[in-house]
C-alpha atoms as a PDB file:
ATOM      1  CA  MET A   1       0.000   0.000   0.000  1.00  0.00           C
ATOM      2  CA  ASP A   2       1.652   3.208  -1.228  1.00  0.00           C
ATOM      3  CA  THR A   3       0.496   5.409   1.647  1.00  0.00           C
ATOM      4  CA  GLU A   4       3.334   7.868   1.187  1.00  0.00           C
ATOM      5  CA  GLY A   5       2.527   8.151  -2.520  1.00  0.00           C
ATOM      6  CA  VAL A   6      -1.128   8.862  -1.724  1.00  0.00           C
ATOM      7  CA  HIS A   7      -0.151  11.617   0.701  1.00  0.00           C
ATOM      8  CA  GLN A   8       2.060  13.162  -1.957  1.00  0.00           C
ATOM      9  CA  LEU A   9      -0.831  12.942  -4.413  1.00  0.00           C
ATOM     10  CA  TRP A  10      -3.063  14.863  -2.005  1.00  0.00           C
ATOM     11  CA  ASP A  11      -0.385  17.548  -1.685  1.00  0.00           C
ATOM     12  CA  GLU A  12      -0.226  17.827  -5.469  1.00  0.00           C
ATOM     13  CA  LEU A  13      -4.016  18.214  -5.681  1.00  0.00           C
ATOM     14  CA  SER A  14      -3.878  21.115  -3.237  1.00  0.00           C
ATOM     15  CA  ASP A  15      -1.465  22.929  -5.572  1.00  0.00           C
ATOM     16  CA  PHE A  16      -4.089  23.218  -8.324  1.00  0.00           C
ATOM     17  CA  GLU A  17      -5.928  26.546  -8.415  1.00  0.00           C
ATOM     18  CA  ALA A  18      -9.664  26.765  -7.711  1.00  0.00           C
ATOM     19  CA  GLY A  19     -10.546  27.005 -11.393  1.00  0.00           C
ATOM     20  CA  GLN A  20      -8.544  23.904 -12.327  1.00  0.00           C
ATOM     21  CA  SER A  21     -10.797  21.244 -10.837  1.00  0.00           C
ATOM     22  CA  SER A  22     -11.078  19.320 -14.130  1.00  0.00           C
ATOM     23  CA  ALA A  23      -7.292  19.240 -14.568  1.00  0.00           C
ATOM     24  CA  ALA A  24      -6.875  18.221 -10.927  1.00  0.00           C
ATOM     25  CA  ALA A  25      -9.421  15.416 -11.360  1.00  0.00           C
ATOM     26  CA  ALA A  26      -7.541  14.180 -14.424  1.00  0.00           C
ATOM     27  CA  HIS A  27      -4.295  14.190 -12.433  1.00  0.00           C
ATOM     28  CA  LEU A  28      -5.941  12.228  -9.617  1.00  0.00           C
ATOM     29  CA  MET A  29      -7.496   9.675 -11.962  1.00  0.00           C
ATOM     30  CA  SER A  30      -4.257   9.249 -13.894  1.00  0.00           C
ATOM     31  CA  TRP A  31      -2.256   8.544 -10.711  1.00  0.00           C
ATOM     32  CA  LEU A  32      -4.826   6.067  -9.392  1.00  0.00           C
ATOM     33  CA  CYS A  33      -5.106   4.315 -12.767  1.00  0.00           C
ATOM     34  CA  LYS A  34      -1.369   3.810 -12.881  1.00  0.00           C
ATOM     35  CA  ALA A  35      -1.331   2.553  -9.284  1.00  0.00           C
ATOM     36  CA  SER A  36      -4.162   0.063  -9.929  1.00  0.00           C
ATOM     37  CA  GLN A  37      -3.281  -0.847 -13.528  1.00  0.00           C
ATOM     38  CA  ALA A  38      -6.625   0.495 -14.754  1.00  0.00           C
ATOM     39  CA  TRP A  39      -6.854   1.656 -18.364  1.00  0.00           C
ATOM     40  CA  ASN A  40      -9.463   4.369 -17.771  1.00  0.00           C
ATOM     41  CA  ALA A  41     -11.343   6.243 -15.072  1.00  0.00           C
ATOM     42  CA  THR A  42     -14.387   8.476 -14.679  1.00  0.00           C
ATOM     43  CA  TRP A  43     -15.813  10.911 -12.162  1.00  0.00           C
ATOM     44  CA  ALA A  44     -19.557  11.400 -11.765  1.00  0.00           C
ATOM     45  CA  GLY A  45     -21.539  13.767  -9.573  1.00  0.00           C
ATOM     46  CA  ALA A  46     -24.836  12.255  -8.380  1.00  0.00           C
ATOM     47  CA  LEU A  47     -27.846  14.088  -6.958  1.00  0.00           C
ATOM     48  CA  ARG A  48     -31.014  12.734  -5.361  1.00  0.00           C
ATOM     49  CA  LEU A  49     -34.069  14.609  -6.534  1.00  0.00           C
ATOM     50  CA  PRO A  50     -36.848  15.358  -4.032  1.00  0.00           C
ATOM     51  CA  ASP A  51     -40.015  13.264  -4.125  1.00  0.00           C
ATOM     52  CA  PRO A  52     -38.803  10.346  -6.289  1.00  0.00           C
ATOM     53  CA  THR A  53     -41.381   8.374  -8.234  1.00  0.00           C
ATOM     54  CA  GLU A  54     -42.967   5.646  -6.154  1.00  0.00           C
ATOM     55  CA  GLY A  55     -41.249   2.344  -6.806  1.00  0.00           C
ATOM     56  CA  ASP A  56     -38.147   3.964  -8.315  1.00  0.00           C
ATOM     57  CA  ALA A  57     -35.401   1.368  -7.794  1.00  0.00           C
ATOM     58  CA  LEU A  58     -32.810   4.144  -8.087  1.00  0.00           C
ATOM     59  CA  GLN A  59     -34.437   6.158  -5.273  1.00  0.00           C
ATOM     60  CA  GLY A  60     -34.501   9.422  -7.207  1.00  0.00           C
ATOM     61  CA  TRP A  61     -30.757   9.511  -7.897  1.00  0.00           C
ATOM     62  CA  ARG A  62     -29.543  11.139 -11.111  1.00  0.00           C
ATOM     63  CA  VAL A  63     -26.046  11.620 -12.474  1.00  0.00           C
ATOM     64  CA  ALA A  64     -25.757  15.300 -13.323  1.00  0.00           C
ATOM     65  CA  GLY A  65     -22.056  15.631 -14.184  1.00  0.00           C
ATOM     66  CA  VAL A  66     -19.403  13.333 -15.630  1.00  0.00           C
ATOM     67  CA  GLN A  67     -15.721  13.528 -16.594  1.00  0.00           C
ATOM     68  CA  ALA A  68     -13.662  10.786 -18.246  1.00  0.00           C
ATOM     69  CA  LEU A  69      -9.908  10.465 -18.113  1.00  0.00           C
ATOM     70  CA  HIS A  70      -9.793   9.083 -21.681  1.00  0.00           C
ATOM     71  CA  PRO A  71     -12.569   9.261 -24.298  1.00  0.00           C
ATOM     72  CA  VAL A  72     -13.707   5.924 -25.673  1.00  0.00           C
ATOM     73  CA  ALA A  73     -13.599   5.605 -29.485  1.00  0.00           C
ATOM     74  CA  PRO A  74     -15.330   6.548 -31.649  1.00  0.00           C
ATOM     75  CA  HIS A  75     -16.337   9.403 -29.327  1.00  0.00           C
ATOM     76  CA  LEU A  76     -14.083  12.391 -28.697  1.00  0.00           C
ATOM     77  CA  ASP A  77     -15.470  13.215 -25.244  1.00  0.00           C
ATOM     78  CA  GLU A  78     -17.473  11.567 -22.451  1.00  0.00           C
ATOM     79  CA  GLN A  79     -20.281  10.478 -24.796  1.00  0.00           C
ATOM     80  CA  HIS A  80     -19.616   6.757 -24.325  1.00  0.00           C
ATOM     81  CA  PHE A  81     -20.315   7.097 -20.603  1.00  0.00           C
ATOM     82  CA  LYS A  82     -23.172   9.539 -21.133  1.00  0.00           C
ATOM     83  CA  ILE A  83     -24.967   6.896 -23.206  1.00  0.00           C
ATOM     84  CA  ILE A  84     -24.895   4.603 -20.168  1.00  0.00           C
ATOM     85  CA  LEU A  85     -26.226   7.424 -17.998  1.00  0.00           C
ATOM     86  CA  GLU A  86     -29.023   8.110 -20.468  1.00  0.00           C
ATOM     87  CA  ALA A  87     -30.220   4.544 -19.883  1.00  0.00           C
ATOM     88  CA  TRP A  88     -30.005   5.296 -16.133  1.00  0.00           C
ATOM     89  CA  ASP A  89     -32.157   8.413 -16.569  1.00  0.00           C
ATOM     90  CA  ARG A  90     -34.710   6.452 -18.604  1.00  0.00           C
ATOM     91  CA  ARG A  91     -34.833   3.981 -15.702  1.00  0.00           C
ATOM     92  CA  GLU A  92     -33.942   1.050 -17.928  1.00  0.00           C
ATOM     93  CA  ILE A  93     -32.768  -0.837 -14.863  1.00  0.00           C
ATOM     94  CA  ASP A  94     -29.673  -2.957 -15.361  1.00  0.00           C
ATOM     95  CA  PRO A  95     -28.280  -4.997 -12.431  1.00  0.00           C
ATOM     96  CA  SER A  96     -25.133  -2.848 -12.475  1.00  0.00           C
ATOM     97  CA  PHE A  97     -27.304   0.218 -11.699  1.00  0.00           C
ATOM     98  CA  LEU A  98     -28.338  -1.278  -8.369  1.00  0.00           C
ATOM     99  CA  LEU A  99     -24.793  -1.590  -7.007  1.00  0.00           C
ATOM    100  CA  PRO A 100     -24.433   2.082  -5.959  1.00  0.00           C
ATOM    101  CA  MET A 101     -27.798   1.892  -4.182  1.00  0.00           C
ATOM    102  CA  ARG A 102     -26.255  -0.341  -1.507  1.00  0.00           C
ATOM    103  CA  GLY A 103     -25.129   1.745   1.421  1.00  0.00           C
ATOM    104  CA  VAL A 104     -26.185   5.116   0.006  1.00  0.00           C
ATOM    105  CA  GLY A 105     -24.894   7.874   2.266  1.00  0.00           C
ATOM    106  CA  THR A 106     -21.757   5.960   3.324  1.00  0.00           C
ATOM    107  CA  PHE A 107     -18.225   5.909   1.941  1.00  0.00           C
ATOM    108  CA  ARG A 108     -18.051   2.637   0.018  1.00  0.00           C
ATOM    109  CA  SER A 109     -16.759   0.749  -2.992  1.00  0.00           C
ATOM    110  CA  TYR A 110     -18.547  -1.618  -5.342  1.00  0.00           C
ATOM    111  CA  SER A 111     -17.237  -3.695  -8.231  1.00  0.00           C
ATOM    112  CA  PHE A 112     -18.499  -5.721 -11.153  1.00  0.00           C
ATOM    113  CA  ARG A 113     -16.563  -8.981 -10.831  1.00  0.00           C
ATOM    114  CA  ARG A 114     -17.144  -9.293  -7.098  1.00  0.00           C
ATOM    115  CA  GLU A 115     -20.805  -8.353  -6.935  1.00  0.00           C
ATOM    116  CA  LEU A 116     -22.538  -9.170 -10.218  1.00  0.00           C
ATOM    117  CA  PRO A 117     -23.552 -12.718 -11.251  1.00  0.00           C
ATOM    118  CA  ALA A 118     -21.500 -14.531 -13.881  1.00  0.00           C
ATOM    119  CA  GLU A 119     -24.357 -14.450 -16.402  1.00  0.00           C
ATOM    120  CA  TRP A 120     -24.342 -10.634 -16.402  1.00  0.00           C
ATOM    121  CA  PHE A 121     -20.993 -10.707 -18.198  1.00  0.00           C
ATOM    122  CA  SER A 122     -22.701 -12.443 -21.122  1.00  0.00           C
ATOM    123  CA  SER A 123     -25.465  -9.831 -21.323  1.00  0.00           C
ATOM    124  CA  PRO A 124     -25.867  -7.422 -24.267  1.00  0.00           C
ATOM    125  CA  PHE A 125     -25.551  -4.493 -21.816  1.00  0.00           C
ATOM    126  CA  TYR A 126     -22.129  -5.611 -20.589  1.00  0.00           C
ATOM    127  CA  GLU A 127     -20.880  -6.407 -24.076  1.00  0.00           C
ATOM    128  CA  GLN A 128     -22.060  -3.109 -25.575  1.00  0.00           C
ATOM    129  CA  HIS A 129     -20.830  -0.769 -22.862  1.00  0.00           C
ATOM    130  CA  TYR A 130     -17.884  -2.605 -21.333  1.00  0.00           C
ATOM    131  CA  GLY A 131     -16.712  -5.802 -23.020  1.00  0.00           C
ATOM    132  CA  ARG A 132     -16.300  -4.431 -26.534  1.00  0.00           C
ATOM    133  CA  VAL A 133     -14.103  -1.548 -25.339  1.00  0.00           C
ATOM    134  CA  GLY A 134     -11.814  -3.749 -23.259  1.00  0.00           C
ATOM    135  CA  THR A 135     -13.297  -3.445 -19.765  1.00  0.00           C
ATOM    136  CA  PHE A 136     -13.227  -6.790 -17.958  1.00  0.00           C
ATOM    137  CA  ASP A 137     -13.788  -5.364 -14.462  1.00  0.00           C
ATOM    138  CA  ALA A 138     -14.820  -2.012 -12.993  1.00  0.00           C
ATOM    139  CA  VAL A 139     -14.501  -0.652  -9.464  1.00  0.00           C
ATOM    140  CA  PHE A 140     -16.292   2.418  -8.134  1.00  0.00           C
ATOM    141  CA  VAL A 141     -15.649   4.455  -4.994  1.00  0.00           C
ATOM    142  CA  ALA A 142     -18.478   6.612  -3.642  1.00  0.00           C
ATOM    143  CA  PHE A 143     -17.999   9.627  -1.373  1.00  0.00           C
ATOM    144  CA  PRO A 144     -21.186  11.149   0.148  1.00  0.00           C
ATOM    145  CA  LEU A 145     -21.120  14.908   0.659  1.00  0.00           C
ATOM    146  CA  ASN A 146     -24.590  15.062   2.173  1.00  0.00           C
ATOM    147  CA  GLY A 147     -27.748  13.000   2.094  1.00  0.00           C
ATOM    148  CA  ASP A 148     -28.603  14.050  -1.457  1.00  0.00           C
ATOM    149  CA  CYS A 149     -25.211  14.479  -3.093  1.00  0.00           C
ATOM    150  CA  GLU A 150     -22.426  11.971  -3.813  1.00  0.00           C
ATOM    151  CA  SER A 151     -19.134  11.947  -5.714  1.00  0.00           C
ATOM    152  CA  HIS A 152     -18.323   8.687  -7.535  1.00  0.00           C
ATOM    153  CA  PHE A 153     -15.043   7.664  -9.155  1.00  0.00           C
ATOM    154  CA  GLY A 154     -14.966   4.648 -11.479  1.00  0.00           C
ATOM    155  CA  PHE A 155     -11.937   2.655 -12.659  1.00  0.00           C
ATOM    156  CA  TYR A 156     -11.885   0.237 -15.597  1.00  0.00           C
ATOM    157  CA  SER A 157      -9.467  -2.648 -16.106  1.00  0.00           C
ATOM    158  CA  ALA A 158      -8.765  -5.396 -18.625  1.00  0.00           C
ATOM    159  CA  ARG A 159      -8.511  -7.867 -15.724  1.00  0.00           C
ATOM    160  CA  THR A 160      -9.987  -8.379 -12.257  1.00  0.00           C
ATOM    161  CA  PHE A 161      -8.939  -5.794  -9.683  1.00  0.00           C
ATOM    162  CA  THR A 162      -7.097  -7.244  -6.690  1.00  0.00           C
ATOM    163  CA  ASP A 163      -8.185  -6.576  -3.110  1.00  0.00           C
ATOM    164  CA  GLU A 164      -5.012  -4.540  -2.590  1.00  0.00           C
ATOM    165  CA  GLU A 165      -5.768  -2.345  -5.612  1.00  0.00           C
ATOM    166  CA  ILE A 166      -9.294  -1.681  -4.399  1.00  0.00           C
ATOM    167  CA  GLN A 167      -7.985  -0.737  -0.965  1.00  0.00           C
ATOM    168  CA  LEU A 168      -5.500   1.654  -2.576  1.00  0.00           C
ATOM    169  CA  LEU A 169      -8.252   3.297  -4.641  1.00  0.00           C
ATOM    170  CA  MET A 170     -10.345   3.754  -1.503  1.00  0.00           C
ATOM    171  CA  LEU A 171      -7.378   5.166   0.411  1.00  0.00           C
ATOM    172  CA  GLY A 172      -6.618   7.637  -2.372  1.00  0.00           C
ATOM    173  CA  LEU A 173     -10.177   8.990  -2.409  1.00  0.00           C
ATOM    174  CA  ARG A 174     -11.044   8.817   1.300  1.00  0.00           C
ATOM    175  CA  GLY A 175      -9.280  11.773   2.928  1.00  0.00           C
ATOM    176  CA  ILE A 176     -10.048  14.581   0.460  1.00  0.00           C
ATOM    177  CA  LYS A 177     -13.607  15.708   1.124  1.00  0.00           C
ATOM    178  CA  TRP A 178     -12.576  19.248   0.182  1.00  0.00           C
ATOM    179  CA  PHE A 179     -11.621  18.004  -3.283  1.00  0.00           C
ATOM    180  CA  HIS A 180     -14.887  16.116  -3.837  1.00  0.00           C
ATOM    181  CA  ARG A 181     -16.691  19.329  -2.864  1.00  0.00           C
ATOM    182  CA  GLN A 182     -14.682  21.367  -5.356  1.00  0.00           C
ATOM    183  CA  LEU A 183     -15.498  18.944  -8.168  1.00  0.00           C
ATOM    184  CA  MET A 184     -19.195  19.184  -7.357  1.00  0.00           C
ATOM    185  CA  LEU A 185     -19.007  22.973  -7.077  1.00  0.00           C
ATOM    186  CA  GLY A 186     -17.237  23.192 -10.422  1.00  0.00           C
ATOM    187  CA  HIS A 187     -20.223  21.516 -12.064  1.00  0.00           C
ATOM    188  CA  GLY A 188     -22.788  23.502 -10.109  1.00  0.00           C
ATOM    189  CA  LEU A 189     -23.958  20.380  -8.288  1.00  0.00           C
ATOM    190  CA  LEU A 190     -23.606  21.319  -4.639  1.00  0.00           C
ATOM    191  CA  LEU A 191     -24.667  24.875  -3.901  1.00  0.00           C
ATOM    192  CA  ALA A 192     -25.900  26.122  -7.271  1.00  0.00           C
ATOM    193  CA  SER A 193     -29.635  26.260  -7.860  1.00  0.00           C
ATOM    194  CA  ALA A 194     -29.171  24.411 -11.168  1.00  0.00           C
ATOM    195  CA  PRO A 195     -26.303  22.514 -12.831  1.00  0.00           C
ATOM    196  CA  LEU A 196     -23.938  24.654 -14.891  1.00  0.00           C
ATOM    197  CA  THR A 197     -23.875  24.304 -18.657  1.00  0.00           C
ATOM    198  CA  ALA A 198     -20.623  23.313 -20.370  1.00  0.00           C
ATOM    199  CA  THR A 199     -20.024  26.944 -21.390  1.00  0.00           C
ATOM    200  CA  GLU A 200     -20.780  28.197 -17.876  1.00  0.00           C
ATOM    201  CA  ARG A 201     -18.223  25.749 -16.472  1.00  0.00           C
ATOM    202  CA  ARG A 202     -15.557  27.134 -18.813  1.00  0.00           C
ATOM    203  CA  VAL A 203     -16.466  30.687 -17.803  1.00  0.00           C
ATOM    204  CA  LEU A 204     -16.450  29.699 -14.121  1.00  0.00           C
ATOM    205  CA  HIS A 205     -12.939  28.259 -14.342  1.00  0.00           C
ATOM    206  CA  LEU A 206     -11.667  31.579 -15.712  1.00  0.00           C
ATOM    207  CA  LEU A 207     -13.818  33.575 -13.308  1.00  0.00           C
ATOM    208  CA  LEU A 208     -11.980  31.914 -10.437  1.00  0.00           C
ATOM    209  CA  THR A 209      -8.739  33.420 -11.759  1.00  0.00           C
ATOM    210  CA  LYS A 210      -7.885  37.105 -12.154  1.00  0.00           C
ATOM    211  CA  ALA A 211      -9.165  37.205 -15.746  1.00  0.00           C
ATOM    212  CA  SER A 212     -11.478  40.125 -16.514  1.00  0.00           C
ATOM    213  CA  GLU A 213     -14.753  39.584 -18.354  1.00  0.00           C
ATOM    214  CA  LYS A 214     -13.090  40.997 -21.487  1.00  0.00           C
ATOM    215  CA  GLU A 215     -10.241  38.506 -21.127  1.00  0.00           C
ATOM    216  CA  ILE A 216     -12.706  35.680 -20.493  1.00  0.00           C
ATOM    217  CA  GLY A 217     -14.549  36.591 -23.678  1.00  0.00           C
ATOM    218  CA  GLY A 218     -11.325  36.701 -25.654  1.00  0.00           C
ATOM    219  CA  ARG A 219     -10.095  33.343 -24.390  1.00  0.00           C
ATOM    220  CA  LEU A 220     -13.452  31.672 -25.062  1.00  0.00           C
ATOM    221  CA  ASP A 221     -14.017  33.408 -28.425  1.00  0.00           C
ATOM    222  CA  MET A 222     -17.142  35.273 -27.330  1.00  0.00           C
ATOM    223  CA  ALA A 223     -18.133  38.921 -27.023  1.00  0.00           C
ATOM    224  CA  THR A 224     -17.527  40.649 -23.691  1.00  0.00           C
ATOM    225  CA  SER A 225     -21.273  41.201 -23.375  1.00  0.00           C
ATOM    226  CA  THR A 226     -21.866  37.465 -23.823  1.00  0.00           C
ATOM    227  CA  ALA A 227     -19.238  36.674 -21.194  1.00  0.00           C
ATOM    228  CA  HIS A 228     -20.964  39.104 -18.840  1.00  0.00           C
ATOM    229  CA  GLN A 229     -24.296  37.333 -19.377  1.00  0.00           C
ATOM    230  CA  HIS A 230     -22.700  33.995 -18.469  1.00  0.00           C
ATOM    231  CA  VAL A 231     -21.072  35.532 -15.387  1.00  0.00           C
ATOM    232  CA  THR A 232     -24.425  36.969 -14.296  1.00  0.00           C
ATOM    233  CA  ARG A 233     -26.120  33.584 -14.677  1.00  0.00           C
ATOM    234  CA  ILE A 234     -23.326  31.887 -12.699  1.00  0.00           C
ATOM    235  CA  TYR A 235     -23.692  34.421  -9.862  1.00  0.00           C
ATOM    236  CA  ARG A 236     -27.452  33.844  -9.859  1.00  0.00           C
ATOM    237  CA  LYS A 237     -27.095  30.062  -9.738  1.00  0.00           C
ATOM    238  CA  PHE A 238     -24.674  30.262  -6.805  1.00  0.00           C
ATOM    239  CA  GLY A 239     -26.679  32.944  -5.033  1.00  0.00           C
ATOM    240  CA  VAL A 240     -23.810  35.474  -4.932  1.00  0.00           C
ATOM    241  CA  ARG A 241     -23.416  39.046  -6.146  1.00  0.00           C
ATOM    242  CA  SER A 242     -19.696  39.310  -6.816  1.00  0.00           C
ATOM    243  CA  ARG A 243     -16.558  37.434  -7.726  1.00  0.00           C
ATOM    244  CA  ALA A 244     -15.311  37.816  -4.151  1.00  0.00           C
ATOM    245  CA  GLU A 245     -18.424  36.059  -2.795  1.00  0.00           C
ATOM    246  CA  LEU A 246     -18.014  33.317  -5.403  1.00  0.00           C
ATOM    247  CA  MET A 247     -14.356  32.822  -4.437  1.00  0.00           C
ATOM    248  CA  GLY A 248     -15.479  32.655  -0.804  1.00  0.00           C
ATOM    249  CA  ILE A 249     -17.447  29.505  -1.596  1.00  0.00           C
ATOM    250  CA  TRP A 250     -14.263  27.791  -2.824  1.00  0.00           C
ATOM    251  CA  LEU A 251     -12.234  29.036   0.143  1.00  0.00           C
ATOM    252  CA  ASN A 252     -14.867  27.687   2.535  1.00  0.00           C
ATOM    253  CA  SER A 253     -14.836  24.407   0.605  1.00  0.00           C
ATOM    254  CA  ALA A 254     -11.093  24.009   1.021  1.00  0.00           C
ATOM    255  CA  GLY A 255     -11.426  24.747   4.717  1.00  0.00           C
END
């Protein structure tokens, strides 16, 4: 167990600026993939909606944000994983969807090869979304931030994960609640009144630096007036009136 390496990893995460949560997540996933011999990893932010439909096996949980370490061909972004989540949102219940429901609200891990029946690995769902792209096993680590909000990291391997590798993944993700909060904040999934759009996330990352609205517009190839509109919407979603108040949310998160 590379405890010293994990502690160094946490120190490296703290060196990323507030607006670099996506880059920091990629650094974290890359380190943990190398340590566990996984070929890919994802992060997903999950929210539980109020008043779920009666009989909903997923208890009102939705995945509102996702980031992949590596895109899966032929897609150039997270679309491969979003297709799986679209089936989740349609409530097309697959046995793998029920794994995260066990122990909701607790720090936990769950894995395919240890917890799903052998016949599942012959199913069309497994073959389409996992087998054909080289995933033999997958392990997920869930970190609850409150009763209605969880941060989930997934790791994908061409072989079965060992017990030691799973313990290392859990160790690497256990002691950084501040970082899970920053990832959720960066997607507008913790304090914002509504999730941020992809453009709003890009504006937010620059807004958390010293870039002016004119500079934000220039870097994102949009008019200053358009950048201002995005900034205004971001402030409204987070319930703040200034950049200083917005930065305060991140400072409180780190604390």
